[in-house]
C-alpha atoms as a PDB file:
ATOM      1  CA  MET A   1       0.059   0.164  -0.002  1.00  0.00           C
ATOM      2  CA  GLU A   2       1.085   3.525  -0.858  1.00  0.00           C
ATOM      3  CA  ASN A   3       2.438   5.286   2.389  1.00  0.00           C
ATOM      4  CA  GLU A   4       1.816   8.645   3.335  1.00  0.00           C
ATOM      5  CA  ARG A   5       5.033  10.113   2.353  1.00  0.00           C
ATOM      6  CA  SER A   6       4.461   8.833  -1.333  1.00  0.00           C
ATOM      7  CA  LYS A   7       0.764   9.991  -1.139  1.00  0.00           C
ATOM      8  CA  MET A   8       2.132  13.640  -0.268  1.00  0.00           C
ATOM      9  CA  GLN A   9       4.853  13.392  -2.882  1.00  0.00           C
ATOM     10  CA  ARG A  10       2.348  12.324  -5.889  1.00  0.00           C
ATOM     11  CA  ALA A  11       0.110  15.167  -4.576  1.00  0.00           C
ATOM     12  CA  GLY A  12       2.995  17.744  -4.664  1.00  0.00           C
ATOM     13  CA  LEU A  13       2.593  18.231  -0.977  1.00  0.00           C
ATOM     14  CA  SER A  14       6.108  18.958   0.284  1.00  0.00           C
ATOM     15  CA  ARG A  15       7.866  21.769   1.800  1.00  0.00           C
ATOM     16  CA  ARG A  16       8.974  22.651  -1.449  1.00  0.00           C
ATOM     17  CA  ASN A  17       5.403  23.249  -2.729  1.00  0.00           C
ATOM     18  CA  VAL A  18       3.753  24.775   0.661  1.00  0.00           C
ATOM     19  CA  LEU A  19       7.162  26.667   1.868  1.00  0.00           C
ATOM     20  CA  GLU A  20       6.195  30.507   0.949  1.00  0.00           C
ATOM     21  CA  LEU A  21       8.536  31.274   3.511  1.00  0.00           C
ATOM     22  CA  GLY A  22      11.509  30.136   4.480  1.00  0.00           C
ATOM     23  CA  ALA A  23      14.946  29.801   2.750  1.00  0.00           C
ATOM     24  CA  LEU A  24      18.367  28.965   2.751  1.00  0.00           C
ATOM     25  CA  GLY A  25      21.036  27.663   0.509  1.00  0.00           C
ATOM     26  CA  LEU A  26      24.734  27.800   0.119  1.00  0.00           C
ATOM     27  CA  ALA A  27      26.655  29.015  -3.205  1.00  0.00           C
ATOM     28  CA  ALA A  28      30.113  29.298  -3.595  1.00  0.00           C
ATOM     29  CA  THR A  29      32.120  30.659  -6.587  1.00  0.00           C
ATOM     30  CA  VAL A  30      35.359  29.101  -6.373  1.00  0.00           C
ATOM     31  CA  LEU A  31      36.758  27.239  -9.421  1.00  0.00           C
ATOM     32  CA  PRO A  32      36.732  23.515  -9.038  1.00  0.00           C
ATOM     33  CA  GLY A  33      39.874  22.066  -7.716  1.00  0.00           C
ATOM     34  CA  ALA A  34      41.277  25.842  -7.002  1.00  0.00           C
ATOM     35  CA  ALA A  35      41.905  26.720  -3.288  1.00  0.00           C
ATOM     36  CA  LEU A  36      41.000  30.058  -2.052  1.00  0.00           C
ATOM     37  CA  ALA A  37      44.055  32.194  -1.730  1.00  0.00           C
ATOM     38  CA  LYS A  38      44.886  32.452   2.134  1.00  0.00           C
ATOM     39  CA  ASP A  39      44.939  36.192   2.121  1.00  0.00           C
ATOM     40  CA  LYS A  40      41.522  36.098   0.747  1.00  0.00           C
ATOM     41  CA  LYS A  41      38.219  36.096   2.679  1.00  0.00           C
ATOM     42  CA  LEU A  42      35.725  33.702   1.402  1.00  0.00           C
ATOM     43  CA  LYS A  43      32.553  35.892   0.443  1.00  0.00           C
ATOM     44  CA  VAL A  44      29.250  34.207   1.655  1.00  0.00           C
ATOM     45  CA  ALA A  45      25.860  35.160   1.383  1.00  0.00           C
ATOM     46  CA  ALA A  46      22.388  33.792   2.343  1.00  0.00           C
ATOM     47  CA  ILE A  47      18.682  33.850   0.860  1.00  0.00           C
ATOM     48  CA  PHE A  48      16.153  33.845   3.637  1.00  0.00           C
ATOM     49  CA  ALA A  49      12.299  33.428   2.159  1.00  0.00           C
ATOM     50  CA  THR A  50      11.038  34.361   5.642  1.00  0.00           C
ATOM     51  CA  PRO A  51      11.613  37.034   8.233  1.00  0.00           C
ATOM     52  CA  ILE A  52      15.147  36.324  10.146  1.00  0.00           C
ATOM     53  CA  GLU A  53      13.518  35.607  13.313  1.00  0.00           C
ATOM     54  CA  GLU A  54      11.883  32.640  12.012  1.00  0.00           C
ATOM     55  CA  PRO A  55      13.776  29.513  13.787  1.00  0.00           C
ATOM     56  CA  TRP A  56      14.386  27.591  10.842  1.00  0.00           C
ATOM     57  CA  ASP A  57      16.312  30.484   8.832  1.00  0.00           C
ATOM     58  CA  ASN A  58      17.414  31.820  12.035  1.00  0.00           C
ATOM     59  CA  GLN A  59      19.713  28.723  12.975  1.00  0.00           C
ATOM     60  CA  ILE A  60      21.749  29.152   9.936  1.00  0.00           C
ATOM     61  CA  HIS A  61      22.012  32.797  10.173  1.00  0.00           C
ATOM     62  CA  VAL A  62      23.468  32.343  13.745  1.00  0.00           C
ATOM     63  CA  ALA A  63      25.776  29.391  12.334  1.00  0.00           C
ATOM     64  CA  LEU A  64      27.058  31.932   9.475  1.00  0.00           C
ATOM     65  CA  GLN A  65      27.472  34.761  11.948  1.00  0.00           C
ATOM     66  CA  LYS A  66      29.817  32.160  13.958  1.00  0.00           C
ATOM     67  CA  ALA A  67      31.604  31.498  11.143  1.00  0.00           C
ATOM     68  CA  GLU A  68      32.425  35.287  10.238  1.00  0.00           C
ATOM     69  CA  LYS A  69      33.951  35.714  13.619  1.00  0.00           C
ATOM     70  CA  GLU A  70      35.531  31.943  13.698  1.00  0.00           C
ATOM     71  CA  LEU A  71      36.503  31.124  10.200  1.00  0.00           C
ATOM     72  CA  GLY A  72      37.017  35.005   8.725  1.00  0.00           C
ATOM     73  CA  ILE A  73      34.412  34.818   5.976  1.00  0.00           C
ATOM     74  CA  GLU A  74      32.698  37.860   4.863  1.00  0.00           C
ATOM     75  CA  TYR A  75      28.938  37.254   5.479  1.00  0.00           C
ATOM     76  CA  ARG A  76      25.589  39.210   3.872  1.00  0.00           C
ATOM     77  CA  TRP A  77      22.216  37.926   3.777  1.00  0.00           C
ATOM     78  CA  SER A  78      18.655  38.887   2.094  1.00  0.00           C
ATOM     79  CA  GLU A  79      15.527  37.907   4.077  1.00  0.00           C
ATOM     80  CA  LYS A  80      11.989  38.097   3.078  1.00  0.00           C
ATOM     81  CA  VAL A  81      12.741  36.873  -0.176  1.00  0.00           C
ATOM     82  CA  GLN A  82       9.816  35.786  -2.300  1.00  0.00           C
ATOM     83  CA  THR A  83       9.897  32.408  -4.384  1.00  0.00           C
ATOM     84  CA  ALA A  84       9.419  34.856  -7.771  1.00  0.00           C
ATOM     85  CA  ASP A  85      12.777  36.659  -6.839  1.00  0.00           C
ATOM     86  CA  PHE A  86      14.871  34.022  -5.633  1.00  0.00           C
ATOM     87  CA  SER A  87      16.648  33.325  -8.747  1.00  0.00           C
ATOM     88  CA  ARG A  88      17.158  36.579  -9.274  1.00  0.00           C
ATOM     89  CA  VAL A  89      18.984  36.957  -5.827  1.00  0.00           C
ATOM     90  CA  MET A  90      21.181  34.073  -6.681  1.00  0.00           C
ATOM     91  CA  ARG A  91      22.460  35.614  -9.813  1.00  0.00           C
ATOM     92  CA  GLU A  92      23.151  38.693  -8.085  1.00  0.00           C
ATOM     93  CA  TYR A  93      25.018  37.097  -5.163  1.00  0.00           C
ATOM     94  CA  ALA A  94      26.802  34.775  -7.732  1.00  0.00           C
ATOM     95  CA  GLN A  95      27.680  37.604 -10.340  1.00  0.00           C
ATOM     96  CA  ALA A  96      29.007  39.902  -7.144  1.00  0.00           C
ATOM     97  CA  GLY A  97      31.612  37.584  -6.372  1.00  0.00           C
ATOM     98  CA  TYR A  98      30.065  35.545  -3.438  1.00  0.00           C
ATOM     99  CA  GLN A  99      31.773  32.596  -3.156  1.00  0.00           C
ATOM    100  CA  LEU A 100      29.157  30.789  -0.604  1.00  0.00           C
ATOM    101  CA  VAL A 101      25.485  31.670  -0.953  1.00  0.00           C
ATOM    102  CA  LEU A 102      23.141  29.779   1.571  1.00  0.00           C
ATOM    103  CA  GLY A 103      19.254  29.341   0.518  1.00  0.00           C
ATOM    104  CA  ASP A 104      16.343  27.185   0.988  1.00  0.00           C
ATOM    105  CA  ALA A 105      15.327  25.394  -2.190  1.00  0.00           C
ATOM    106  CA  PHE A 106      12.274  24.000  -0.605  1.00  0.00           C
ATOM    107  CA  ALA A 107       9.753  26.653  -2.113  1.00  0.00           C
ATOM    108  CA  ALA A 108      11.774  27.439  -5.241  1.00  0.00           C
ATOM    109  CA  GLU A 109      13.276  23.818  -5.958  1.00  0.00           C
ATOM    110  CA  ARG A 110      12.858  24.103  -9.741  1.00  0.00           C
ATOM    111  CA  GLU A 111      14.286  27.882 -10.019  1.00  0.00           C
ATOM    112  CA  SER A 112      17.312  27.142  -7.691  1.00  0.00           C
ATOM    113  CA  ARG A 113      18.556  24.002  -9.414  1.00  0.00           C
ATOM    114  CA  LYS A 114      17.922  25.703 -13.000  1.00  0.00           C
ATOM    115  CA  THR A 115      20.056  28.961 -11.914  1.00  0.00           C
ATOM    116  CA  ALA A 116      22.563  26.942 -10.338  1.00  0.00           C
ATOM    117  CA  LYS A 117      23.312  25.156 -13.480  1.00  0.00           C
ATOM    118  CA  GLN A 118      24.056  29.054 -15.036  1.00  0.00           C
ATOM    119  CA  PHE A 119      27.030  29.132 -12.433  1.00  0.00           C
ATOM    120  CA  PRO A 120      29.093  26.320 -12.813  1.00  0.00           C
ATOM    121  CA  LYS A 121      32.175  27.577 -10.949  1.00  0.00           C
ATOM    122  CA  THR A 122      29.924  28.392  -7.924  1.00  0.00           C
ATOM    123  CA  ALA A 123      29.235  25.709  -5.278  1.00  0.00           C
ATOM    124  CA  TRP A 124      25.604  25.668  -4.224  1.00  0.00           C
ATOM    125  CA  LEU A 125      24.236  23.846  -0.988  1.00  0.00           C
ATOM    126  CA  PHE A 126      20.447  24.451  -0.367  1.00  0.00           C
ATOM    127  CA  GLY A 127      17.903  23.249   2.245  1.00  0.00           C
ATOM    128  CA  SER A 128      16.113  20.564  -0.050  1.00  0.00           C
ATOM    129  CA  GLY A 129      13.840  17.742   0.280  1.00  0.00           C
ATOM    130  CA  ALA A 130      15.500  16.240  -2.951  1.00  0.00           C
ATOM    131  CA  GLY A 131      18.637  15.238  -3.621  1.00  0.00           C
ATOM    132  CA  PRO A 132      22.198  16.658  -4.708  1.00  0.00           C
ATOM    133  CA  ALA A 133      22.990  17.440  -8.664  1.00  0.00           C
ATOM    134  CA  GLU A 134      26.181  16.964  -9.932  1.00  0.00           C
ATOM    135  CA  PRO A 135      28.688  18.795 -10.022  1.00  0.00           C
ATOM    136  CA  ASN A 136      28.063  21.254  -7.512  1.00  0.00           C
ATOM    137  CA  PHE A 137      24.564  21.512  -6.139  1.00  0.00           C
ATOM    138  CA  GLY A 138      24.576  20.150  -2.510  1.00  0.00           C
ATOM    139  CA  VAL A 139      21.628  19.796  -0.054  1.00  0.00           C
ATOM    140  CA  PHE A 140      20.997  19.672   3.586  1.00  0.00           C
ATOM    141  CA  ASP A 141      18.125  19.603   6.103  1.00  0.00           C
ATOM    142  CA  ASN A 142      17.520  19.761   9.901  1.00  0.00           C
ATOM    143  CA  TRP A 143      17.477  16.246  11.101  1.00  0.00           C
ATOM    144  CA  ILE A 144      16.809  16.835  14.665  1.00  0.00           C
ATOM    145  CA  HIS A 145      14.483  13.777  15.298  1.00  0.00           C
ATOM    146  CA  GLU A 146      16.896  12.409  17.895  1.00  0.00           C
ATOM    147  CA  PRO A 147      16.743  14.985  20.415  1.00  0.00           C
ATOM    148  CA  ALA A 148      13.067  15.535  19.498  1.00  0.00           C
ATOM    149  CA  TYR A 149      12.679  11.870  20.864  1.00  0.00           C
ATOM    150  CA  LEU A 150      14.426  12.720  24.102  1.00  0.00           C
ATOM    151  CA  SER A 151      12.203  15.621  24.378  1.00  0.00           C
ATOM    152  CA  GLY A 152       9.274  13.370  24.151  1.00  0.00           C
ATOM    153  CA  MET A 153      10.514  11.111  26.741  1.00  0.00           C
ATOM    154  CA  ILE A 154      10.702  14.117  29.065  1.00  0.00           C
ATOM    155  CA  ALA A 155       7.280  14.952  28.296  1.00  0.00           C
ATOM    156  CA  GLY A 156       5.980  11.594  28.547  1.00  0.00           C
ATOM    157  CA  LYS A 157       7.530  11.612  32.238  1.00  0.00           C
ATOM    158  CA  MET A 158       6.267  15.069  33.276  1.00  0.00           C
ATOM    159  CA  SER A 159       2.912  14.824  32.070  1.00  0.00           C
ATOM    160  CA  LYS A 160       0.155  14.276  34.929  1.00  0.00           C
ATOM    161  CA  SER A 161      -2.820  14.316  32.877  1.00  0.00           C
ATOM    162  CA  GLY A 162      -1.579  11.707  30.402  1.00  0.00           C
ATOM    163  CA  THR A 163      -2.026  13.907  27.498  1.00  0.00           C
ATOM    164  CA  VAL A 164       0.934  15.568  25.411  1.00  0.00           C
ATOM    165  CA  GLY A 165       0.460  17.593  22.465  1.00  0.00           C
ATOM    166  CA  ALA A 166       1.970  19.133  19.489  1.00  0.00           C
ATOM    167  CA  VAL A 167       1.451  22.251  17.335  1.00  0.00           C
ATOM    168  CA  ALA A 168       3.319  22.262  14.058  1.00  0.00           C
ATOM    169  CA  ALA A 169       3.321  23.554  10.718  1.00  0.00           C
ATOM    170  CA  MET A 170       1.900  20.954   8.566  1.00  0.00           C
ATOM    171  CA  GLY A 171       1.887  17.558   7.876  1.00  0.00           C
ATOM    172  CA  ILE A 172       4.824  17.282   5.521  1.00  0.00           C
ATOM    173  CA  PRO A 173       7.909  14.719   5.902  1.00  0.00           C
ATOM    174  CA  GLU A 174      10.313  17.047   7.106  1.00  0.00           C
ATOM    175  CA  VAL A 175       7.810  18.179  10.068  1.00  0.00           C
ATOM    176  CA  ASN A 176       6.132  14.813  10.642  1.00  0.00           C
ATOM    177  CA  ARG A 177       9.145  12.803  11.537  1.00  0.00           C
ATOM    178  CA  LEU A 178       9.876  15.438  14.583  1.00  0.00           C
ATOM    179  CA  VAL A 179       6.462  15.538  15.791  1.00  0.00           C
ATOM    180  CA  ASN A 180       6.455  11.638  15.279  1.00  0.00           C
ATOM    181  CA  ALA A 181      10.072  11.263  17.273  1.00  0.00           C
ATOM    182  CA  PHE A 182       8.278  13.472  20.111  1.00  0.00           C
ATOM    183  CA  PHE A 183       5.294  11.197  20.605  1.00  0.00           C
ATOM    184  CA  ALA A 184       7.597   8.201  20.352  1.00  0.00           C
ATOM    185  CA  GLY A 185       9.604   9.157  22.784  1.00  0.00           C
ATOM    186  CA  ALA A 186       6.561   9.905  25.021  1.00  0.00           C
ATOM    187  CA  LYS A 187       5.230   6.381  24.586  1.00  0.00           C
ATOM    188  CA  GLU A 188       8.501   4.615  25.243  1.00  0.00           C
ATOM    189  CA  VAL A 189       8.218   6.085  28.899  1.00  0.00           C
ATOM    190  CA  ASN A 190       4.375   5.590  29.178  1.00  0.00           C
ATOM    191  CA  PRO A 191       3.051   3.369  26.855  1.00  0.00           C
ATOM    192  CA  ASN A 192      -0.626   4.751  28.004  1.00  0.00           C
ATOM    193  CA  ILE A 193       0.478   8.336  26.988  1.00  0.00           C
ATOM    194  CA  LYS A 194      -2.479   9.928  24.439  1.00  0.00           C
ATOM    195  CA  LYS A 195      -1.494  12.486  21.806  1.00  0.00           C
ATOM    196  CA  LYS A 196      -3.178  15.623  20.341  1.00  0.00           C
ATOM    197  CA  VAL A 197      -1.560  17.159  17.156  1.00  0.00           C
ATOM    198  CA  ALA A 198      -2.597  20.263  15.302  1.00  0.00           C
ATOM    199  CA  PHE A 199      -1.242  21.703  11.911  1.00  0.00           C
ATOM    200  CA  ILE A 200      -1.743  25.406  11.361  1.00  0.00           C
ATOM    201  CA  GLY A 201      -0.750  25.256   7.550  1.00  0.00           C
ATOM    202  CA  SER A 202       1.986  28.213   7.699  1.00  0.00           C
ATOM    203  CA  PHE A 203       5.822  27.882   8.928  1.00  0.00           C
ATOM    204  CA  PHE A 204       5.404  31.401  10.454  1.00  0.00           C
ATOM    205  CA  ASP A 205       1.757  32.258  12.115  1.00  0.00           C
ATOM    206  CA  PRO A 206       2.234  32.873  15.784  1.00  0.00           C
ATOM    207  CA  PRO A 207      -1.334  34.098  16.454  1.00  0.00           C
ATOM    208  CA  LYS A 208      -2.623  30.827  14.743  1.00  0.00           C
ATOM    209  CA  ALA A 209      -0.154  28.664  16.577  1.00  0.00           C
ATOM    210  CA  LYS A 210      -1.307  29.934  19.946  1.00  0.00           C
ATOM    211  CA  GLU A 211      -4.754  29.221  19.029  1.00  0.00           C
ATOM    212  CA  ALA A 212      -4.352  25.871  18.432  1.00  0.00           C
ATOM    213  CA  ALA A 213      -2.327  25.179  21.388  1.00  0.00           C
ATOM    214  CA  VAL A 214      -4.836  26.914  23.865  1.00  0.00           C
ATOM    215  CA  ALA A 215      -7.578  24.451  22.148  1.00  0.00           C
ATOM    216  CA  GLN A 216      -4.968  21.598  23.110  1.00  0.00           C
ATOM    217  CA  ILE A 217      -4.391  22.860  26.414  1.00  0.00           C
ATOM    218  CA  ASP A 218      -8.288  23.533  27.404  1.00  0.00           C
ATOM    219  CA  ALA A 219      -8.611  19.389  25.906  1.00  0.00           C
ATOM    220  CA  GLY A 220      -6.152  18.372  28.607  1.00  0.00           C
ATOM    221  CA  VAL A 221      -2.742  18.698  27.345  1.00  0.00           C
ATOM    222  CA  ASP A 222      -0.246  19.352  30.071  1.00  0.00           C
ATOM    223  CA  VAL A 223       3.043  19.154  27.850  1.00  0.00           C
ATOM    224  CA  ILE A 224       3.101  20.639  24.791  1.00  0.00           C
ATOM    225  CA  TYR A 225       5.700  20.449  21.630  1.00  0.00           C
ATOM    226  CA  ALA A 226       6.124  24.021  20.234  1.00  0.00           C
ATOM    227  CA  GLU A 227       7.177  22.969  16.909  1.00  0.00           C
ATOM    228  CA  ARG A 228       6.177  26.439  15.740  1.00  0.00           C
ATOM    229  CA  PHE A 229       6.377  30.009  17.214  1.00  0.00           C
ATOM    230  CA  GLY A 230       3.576  31.318  19.336  1.00  0.00           C
ATOM    231  CA  VAL A 231       2.760  27.868  21.269  1.00  0.00           C
ATOM    232  CA  ILE A 232       4.928  28.637  24.030  1.00  0.00           C
ATOM    233  CA  GLU A 233       3.143  32.193  25.128  1.00  0.00           C
ATOM    234  CA  ALA A 234      -0.028  29.824  25.107  1.00  0.00           C
ATOM    235  CA  ALA A 235       1.720  27.542  27.481  1.00  0.00           C
ATOM    236  CA  VAL A 236       3.042  30.452  29.725  1.00  0.00           C
ATOM    237  CA  GLU A 237      -0.615  31.771  29.931  1.00  0.00           C
ATOM    238  CA  LYS A 238      -2.142  28.616  30.607  1.00  0.00           C
ATOM    239  CA  LYS A 239       1.007  27.514  33.331  1.00  0.00           C
ATOM    240  CA  ILE A 240       1.376  24.055  31.284  1.00  0.00           C
ATOM    241  CA  PHE A 241       5.134  23.025  30.418  1.00  0.00           C
ATOM    242  CA  ALA A 242       6.406  23.371  26.983  1.00  0.00           C
ATOM    243  CA  ILE A 243       9.146  21.587  24.802  1.00  0.00           C
ATOM    244  CA  SER A 244      10.625  24.104  22.238  1.00  0.00           C
ATOM    245  CA  ASN A 245      11.806  23.515  18.897  1.00  0.00           C
ATOM    246  CA  MET A 246      15.051  24.280  16.779  1.00  0.00           C
ATOM    247  CA  SER A 247      16.575  26.867  19.228  1.00  0.00           C
ATOM    248  CA  ASP A 248      17.025  27.281  22.907  1.00  0.00           C
ATOM    249  CA  GLN A 249      13.796  29.203  23.759  1.00  0.00           C
ATOM    250  CA  SER A 250      14.104  28.985  27.473  1.00  0.00           C
ATOM    251  CA  SER A 251      14.074  32.985  27.530  1.00  0.00           C
ATOM    252  CA  LEU A 252      10.307  32.946  26.306  1.00  0.00           C
ATOM    253  CA  GLY A 253       9.363  31.133  29.319  1.00  0.00           C
ATOM    254  CA  ALA A 254      11.755  30.037  32.107  1.00  0.00           C
ATOM    255  CA  ASP A 255       9.320  28.325  34.223  1.00  0.00           C
ATOM    256  CA  THR A 256       7.461  26.969  31.055  1.00  0.00           C
ATOM    257  CA  VAL A 257      10.145  25.702  28.780  1.00  0.00           C
ATOM    258  CA  ILE A 258      11.819  22.423  30.101  1.00  0.00           C
ATOM    259  CA  THR A 259      13.984  21.801  27.100  1.00  0.00           C
ATOM    260  CA  GLY A 260      13.696  21.162  23.389  1.00  0.00           C
ATOM    261  CA  PRO A 261      15.558  19.757  20.258  1.00  0.00           C
ATOM    262  CA  VAL A 262      18.161  22.411  19.008  1.00  0.00           C
ATOM    263  CA  TRP A 263      19.199  22.625  15.665  1.00  0.00           C
ATOM    264  CA  ASP A 264      22.991  23.605  14.987  1.00  0.00           C
ATOM    265  CA  MET A 265      23.779  24.732  11.382  1.00  0.00           C
ATOM    266  CA  TYR A 266      27.653  25.237  12.282  1.00  0.00           C
ATOM    267  CA  PRO A 267      29.189  21.897  11.648  1.00  0.00           C
ATOM    268  CA  THR A 268      27.183  21.769   8.038  1.00  0.00           C
ATOM    269  CA  VAL A 269      28.363  25.299   7.554  1.00  0.00           C
ATOM    270  CA  GLU A 270      32.026  24.786   8.470  1.00  0.00           C
ATOM    271  CA  GLN A 271      32.270  21.623   6.477  1.00  0.00           C
ATOM    272  CA  ALA A 272      31.141  23.873   3.393  1.00  0.00           C
ATOM    273  CA  ILE A 273      33.497  26.407   4.095  1.00  0.00           C
ATOM    274  CA  LYS A 274      36.336  24.206   4.405  1.00  0.00           C
ATOM    275  CA  LEU A 275      35.556  22.274   1.328  1.00  0.00           C
ATOM    276  CA  VAL A 276      35.082  25.558  -0.654  1.00  0.00           C
ATOM    277  CA  LYS A 277      38.287  27.142   0.687  1.00  0.00           C
ATOM    278  CA  ALA A 278      40.094  24.100  -0.531  1.00  0.00           C
ATOM    279  CA  GLY A 279      38.713  24.216  -3.820  1.00  0.00           C
ATOM    280  CA  VAL A 280      37.045  20.621  -3.461  1.00  0.00           C
ATOM    281  CA  PHE A 281      33.306  21.252  -2.665  1.00  0.00           C
ATOM    282  CA  THR A 282      31.057  18.745  -4.547  1.00  0.00           C
ATOM    283  CA  ALA A 283      27.652  17.867  -4.686  1.00  0.00           C
ATOM    284  CA  GLN A 284      26.684  15.809  -1.565  1.00  0.00           C
ATOM    285  CA  ASP A 285      23.964  15.415   1.147  1.00  0.00           C
ATOM    286  CA  TYR A 286      24.936  17.315   4.162  1.00  0.00           C
ATOM    287  CA  GLY A 287      22.112  15.857   6.159  1.00  0.00           C
ATOM    288  CA  ASP A 288      24.354  13.656   8.575  1.00  0.00           C
ATOM    289  CA  PHE A 289      25.946  17.003   9.966  1.00  0.00           C
ATOM    290  CA  SER A 290      22.569  17.946  11.539  1.00  0.00           C
ATOM    291  CA  ARG A 291      22.585  14.708  13.723  1.00  0.00           C
ATOM    292  CA  MET A 292      23.610  14.063  17.505  1.00  0.00           C
ATOM    293  CA  ALA A 293      26.865  12.119  16.253  1.00  0.00           C
ATOM    294  CA  LYS A 294      28.097  15.214  14.397  1.00  0.00           C
ATOM    295  CA  GLY A 295      27.242  17.807  16.865  1.00  0.00           C
ATOM    296  CA  GLY A 296      24.464  19.372  14.641  1.00  0.00           C
ATOM    297  CA  SER A 297      21.782  18.799  17.093  1.00  0.00           C
ATOM    298  CA  TYR A 298      21.353  18.081  20.786  1.00  0.00           C
ATOM    299  CA  LEU A 299      19.070  18.812  23.639  1.00  0.00           C
ATOM    300  CA  ALA A 300      18.715  22.291  24.896  1.00  0.00           C
ATOM    301  CA  PRO A 301      19.901  23.150  28.481  1.00  0.00           C
ATOM    302  CA  PHE A 302      17.424  22.285  31.347  1.00  0.00           C
ATOM    303  CA  HIS A 303      18.183  25.879  32.762  1.00  0.00           C
ATOM    304  CA  LYS A 304      16.008  26.450  35.542  1.00  0.00           C
ATOM    305  CA  PHE A 305      14.573  22.850  35.558  1.00  0.00           C
ATOM    306  CA  ASP A 306      17.974  21.543  35.949  1.00  0.00           C
ATOM    307  CA  LYS A 307      17.135  21.711  39.982  1.00  0.00           C
ATOM    308  CA  THR A 308      13.373  20.685  39.868  1.00  0.00           C
ATOM    309  CA  LEU A 309      13.429  17.740  36.915  1.00  0.00           C
ATOM    310  CA  PRO A 310      13.372  14.652  38.882  1.00  0.00           C
ATOM    311  CA  ALA A 311      16.736  12.990  38.717  1.00  0.00           C
ATOM    312  CA  ASP A 312      15.087   9.531  37.592  1.00  0.00           C
ATOM    313  CA  VAL A 313      13.987  11.372  34.457  1.00  0.00           C
ATOM    314  CA  LYS A 314      17.231  13.129  33.640  1.00  0.00           C
ATOM    315  CA  ASP A 315      19.283   9.625  34.098  1.00  0.00           C
ATOM    316  CA  LEU A 316      16.732   8.220  31.618  1.00  0.00           C
ATOM    317  CA  VAL A 317      17.328  10.698  29.068  1.00  0.00           C
ATOM    318  CA  GLU A 318      21.316  10.444  29.664  1.00  0.00           C
ATOM    319  CA  LYS A 319      21.276   6.801  29.335  1.00  0.00           C
ATOM    320  CA  LYS A 320      19.047   6.914  25.736  1.00  0.00           C
ATOM    321  CA  LYS A 321      21.233   9.904  24.603  1.00  0.00           C
ATOM    322  CA  ALA A 322      24.529   7.720  25.280  1.00  0.00           C
ATOM    323  CA  GLU A 323      22.570   4.935  23.118  1.00  0.00           C
ATOM    324  CA  ILE A 324      22.290   7.295  20.420  1.00  0.00           C
ATOM    325  CA  LEU A 325      25.655   8.725  20.375  1.00  0.00           C
ATOM    326  CA  GLU A 326      27.212   5.092  20.629  1.00  0.00           C
ATOM    327  CA  GLY A 327      24.971   4.020  17.730  1.00  0.00           C
ATOM    328  CA  ASN A 328      22.877   1.355  19.749  1.00  0.00           C
ATOM    329  CA  PHE A 329      19.974   3.024  19.318  1.00  0.00           C
ATOM    330  CA  ARG A 330      18.266   4.646  16.353  1.00  0.00           C
ATOM    331  CA  VAL A 331      15.323   6.868  16.334  1.00  0.00           C
ATOM    332  CA  ASP A 332      12.911   5.718  13.637  1.00  0.00           C
ATOM    333  CA  VAL A 333      12.389   8.276  11.070  1.00  0.00           C
ATOM    334  CA  ASP A 334       8.916   8.338  10.655  1.00  0.00           C
ATOM    335  CA  GLU A 335       7.584  10.624   7.940  1.00  0.00           C
ATOM    336  CA  ASN A 336       3.648   9.608   8.222  1.00  0.00           C
ATOM    337  CA  THR A 337       1.384  12.202   9.157  1.00  0.00           C
ATOM    338  CA  PRO A 338       0.823  11.936  13.001  1.00  0.00           C
ATOM    339  CA  VAL A 339      -3.468  12.121  14.085  1.00  0.00           C
ATOM    340  CA  SER A 340      -4.619  12.754  17.475  1.00  0.00           C
ATOM    341  CA  ASP A 341      -5.654   9.873  19.493  1.00  0.00           C
END
């Protein structure tokens, strides 16, 4: 039987079709096989379709700012770039001599690949649901399902009502795998746990996410996964626990946010920059650099909860984290659309 992902792909329902916001890609104008001169700064640019504060884009932006300080690159970016303008911005950066340009091809998959072919001396690395393309179009994504699973374990242990929830963007593979991992973690520690899930149909609509979260909380959810911005605000007001997503968001609710999966794009950015500087950048899937073992994702600090989170819960999570890092436990990649119990 055709699985959910196949149905979605056949129907054209993936991030590349629904993302009218969000962009991150990587373009480098270096001659293949030619190393960058040591006294010359690598020029890096990023193309963001969403406002810069949107978590997915922001994590790439933060990583590039770090690279600017630690790796001596020259960094510029463009935000709120519409799909219709994506190719134009790509061309402008490449023609201006930017040797590395980050971008998100989910919303402009065909356009970005077509434009990349026009600049064969540029190395491109894009957030994409498809594969790399020779000779110079690399891809990446935020594979943070492992810390999402650990977060679910904490949620399952901390829930008193026996019902945990998640408010997410939409039922596409890239989102589903995080939500499913969260619920799977909760299920491991409490087989009787119930789940509620809601999709807001957008990657950045805080008011709508808050509204969906309030509805779940009123229905009995007492620990909620804030896959989107806006959810934590509802959790703070309703005084329940929340799990953040993609970045450490404890500052949004110190008494509410226990932890959450963090996406660290720096290992991906660092690897790409090293290859471009050496003149050996090739088309490949850089997704593994977002996994825990590569340092590309981790569980956010407990902050205030470090003193109040039960010791047995912390021990349980530490043991599972060690199993993941040692390769003795693999979090399933389930990209089917989850439904409420």
